[in-house]
């Protein structure tokens, strides 16, 4: 479960997610305080974070069979800045969790080899 994974690995920072399309389930299952999440409930912060996702430490992208991709997914799908700054650390049939690259290294979820290549830690 994406929320459980997030709750186990979260060590601070903001989490970008859409509250629609099941995002609320991730919030509840993570056990984290809702203040840690950037969502539609705070429009000014939400719009800024969608334009500059590196403001967040985590991003929750969702693709629901009935609703299709959530807004975070649609905004980040072709964003080269997002791809350069975040790595995928969890994926299931609905949710994909990304963490900012520097935080992933700090948490031991991602390593950078001396050759410059990268490796996802499972």
Protein backbone atom coordinates (compact mmCIF):
# COMPACT_ATOMS: atom_id res chain seq x y z
CA UNK A 1 0.00 0.00 0.00
CA UNK A 2 1.35 3.41 -1.00
CA UNK A 3 0.26 5.13 2.21
CA UNK A 4 1.91 2.52 4.40
CA UNK A 5 5.14 2.75 2.38
CA UNK A 6 5.10 6.54 2.68
CA UNK A 7 4.48 6.37 6.43
CA UNK A 8 7.39 3.96 6.93
CA UNK A 9 9.93 5.92 4.88
CA UNK A 10 8.89 9.53 5.46
CA UNK A 11 11.45 11.56 7.44
CA UNK A 12 10.22 15.10 6.78
CA UNK A 13 9.43 17.51 3.98
CA UNK A 14 6.23 18.24 2.13
CA UNK A 15 4.29 15.66 0.11
CA UNK A 16 2.64 16.74 -3.14
CA UNK A 17 -0.57 14.87 -3.93
CA UNK A 18 -4.05 15.42 -5.29
CA UNK A 19 -6.73 14.74 -2.70
CA UNK A 20 -8.97 13.50 -5.51
CA UNK A 21 -8.82 10.07 -7.12
CA UNK A 22 -7.90 8.25 -3.93
CA UNK A 23 -5.24 10.62 -2.61
CA UNK A 24 -7.15 10.89 0.63
CA UNK A 25 -6.59 7.14 1.17
CA UNK A 26 -2.81 7.68 0.96
CA UNK A 27 -3.05 10.44 3.59
CA UNK A 28 -5.05 8.25 5.99
CA UNK A 29 -2.99 5.08 5.45
CA UNK A 30 0.30 6.93 5.90
CA UNK A 31 -0.60 7.93 9.45
CA UNK A 32 1.03 11.32 8.80
CA UNK A 33 -0.40 14.67 9.79
CA UNK A 34 -2.42 16.20 6.97
CA UNK A 35 -0.33 19.39 7.32
CA UNK A 36 2.56 17.53 5.67
CA UNK A 37 0.63 17.31 2.38
CA UNK A 38 0.38 19.91 -0.38
CA UNK A 39 -3.01 19.46 -2.02
CA UNK A 40 -5.89 21.41 -3.48
CA UNK A 41 -6.94 22.52 0.00
CA UNK A 42 -4.34 25.31 -0.17
CA UNK A 43 -4.67 26.68 -3.70
CA UNK A 44 -1.81 29.21 -3.61
CA UNK A 45 0.73 26.68 -2.31
CA UNK A 46 -0.76 23.95 -4.53
CA UNK A 47 -0.39 25.96 -7.75
CA UNK A 48 3.18 26.96 -6.85
CA UNK A 49 4.16 23.37 -6.05
CA UNK A 50 2.69 22.10 -9.33
CA UNK A 51 4.81 24.64 -11.18
CA UNK A 52 7.89 23.95 -9.03
CA UNK A 53 7.59 20.35 -7.75
CA UNK A 54 11.07 20.48 -6.20
CA UNK A 55 9.41 22.46 -3.36
CA UNK A 56 8.12 19.09 -2.19
CA UNK A 57 10.18 16.17 -0.94
CA UNK A 58 7.68 13.52 -2.03
CA UNK A 59 5.15 13.33 -4.87
CA UNK A 60 2.23 10.93 -5.16
CA UNK A 61 1.12 10.26 -8.72
CA UNK A 62 -2.05 8.27 -9.26
CA UNK A 63 -3.75 6.65 -12.22
CA UNK A 64 -7.15 5.30 -11.32
CA UNK A 65 -8.87 2.86 -13.65
CA UNK A 66 -12.12 4.85 -13.51
CA UNK A 67 -10.82 8.43 -13.14
CA UNK A 68 -7.62 8.24 -15.19
CA UNK A 69 -4.51 10.19 -14.14
CA UNK A 70 -4.72 12.65 -11.26
CA UNK A 71 -3.60 16.24 -11.68
CA UNK A 72 -0.14 15.62 -10.20
CA UNK A 73 0.38 12.77 -12.66
CA UNK A 74 -0.76 14.90 -15.62
CA UNK A 75 1.50 17.81 -14.63
CA UNK A 76 4.61 15.70 -13.93
CA UNK A 77 4.32 13.15 -16.77
CA UNK A 78 6.40 15.20 -19.21
CA UNK A 79 8.16 17.61 -16.85
CA UNK A 80 11.93 17.34 -17.38
CA UNK A 81 12.61 19.18 -14.11
CA UNK A 82 10.57 16.56 -12.25
CA UNK A 83 12.46 13.73 -13.95
CA UNK A 84 15.80 15.34 -13.10
CA UNK A 85 14.97 15.90 -9.43
CA UNK A 86 12.83 12.91 -8.39
CA UNK A 87 13.20 9.12 -8.41
CA UNK A 88 10.47 6.47 -8.27
CA UNK A 89 10.58 4.49 -5.04
CA UNK A 90 7.20 2.73 -4.97
CA UNK A 91 4.63 1.64 -7.53
CA UNK A 92 1.46 -0.40 -7.51
CA UNK A 93 -1.56 -0.56 -9.83
CA UNK A 94 -2.79 2.93 -8.84
CA UNK A 95 -0.04 4.90 -7.11
CA UNK A 96 3.54 5.76 -7.91
CA UNK A 97 5.58 7.46 -5.20
CA UNK A 98 8.52 9.66 -6.05
CA UNK A 99 11.00 11.21 -3.66
CA UNK A 100 13.39 14.02 -4.40
CA UNK A 101 16.72 12.53 -5.45
CA UNK A 102 18.75 14.04 -2.59
CA UNK A 103 16.29 12.71 -0.01
CA UNK A 104 16.25 9.26 -1.63
CA UNK A 105 20.02 9.05 -1.30
CA UNK A 106 19.85 10.26 2.32
CA UNK A 107 17.22 7.62 3.16
CA UNK A 108 19.18 4.85 1.43
CA UNK A 109 16.40 4.31 -1.13
CA UNK A 110 18.65 5.30 -4.02
CA UNK A 111 22.39 5.22 -4.55
CA UNK A 112 24.70 6.96 -6.97
CA UNK A 113 27.58 4.76 -8.09
CA UNK A 114 31.05 6.17 -8.60
CA UNK A 115 30.62 5.72 -12.35
CA UNK A 116 27.80 8.23 -12.27
CA UNK A 117 25.13 5.62 -12.97
CA UNK A 118 22.20 5.31 -10.62
CA UNK A 119 20.50 2.38 -8.94
CA UNK A 120 17.11 2.11 -7.24
CA UNK A 121 17.23 0.28 -3.91
CA UNK A 122 14.27 -2.04 -3.31
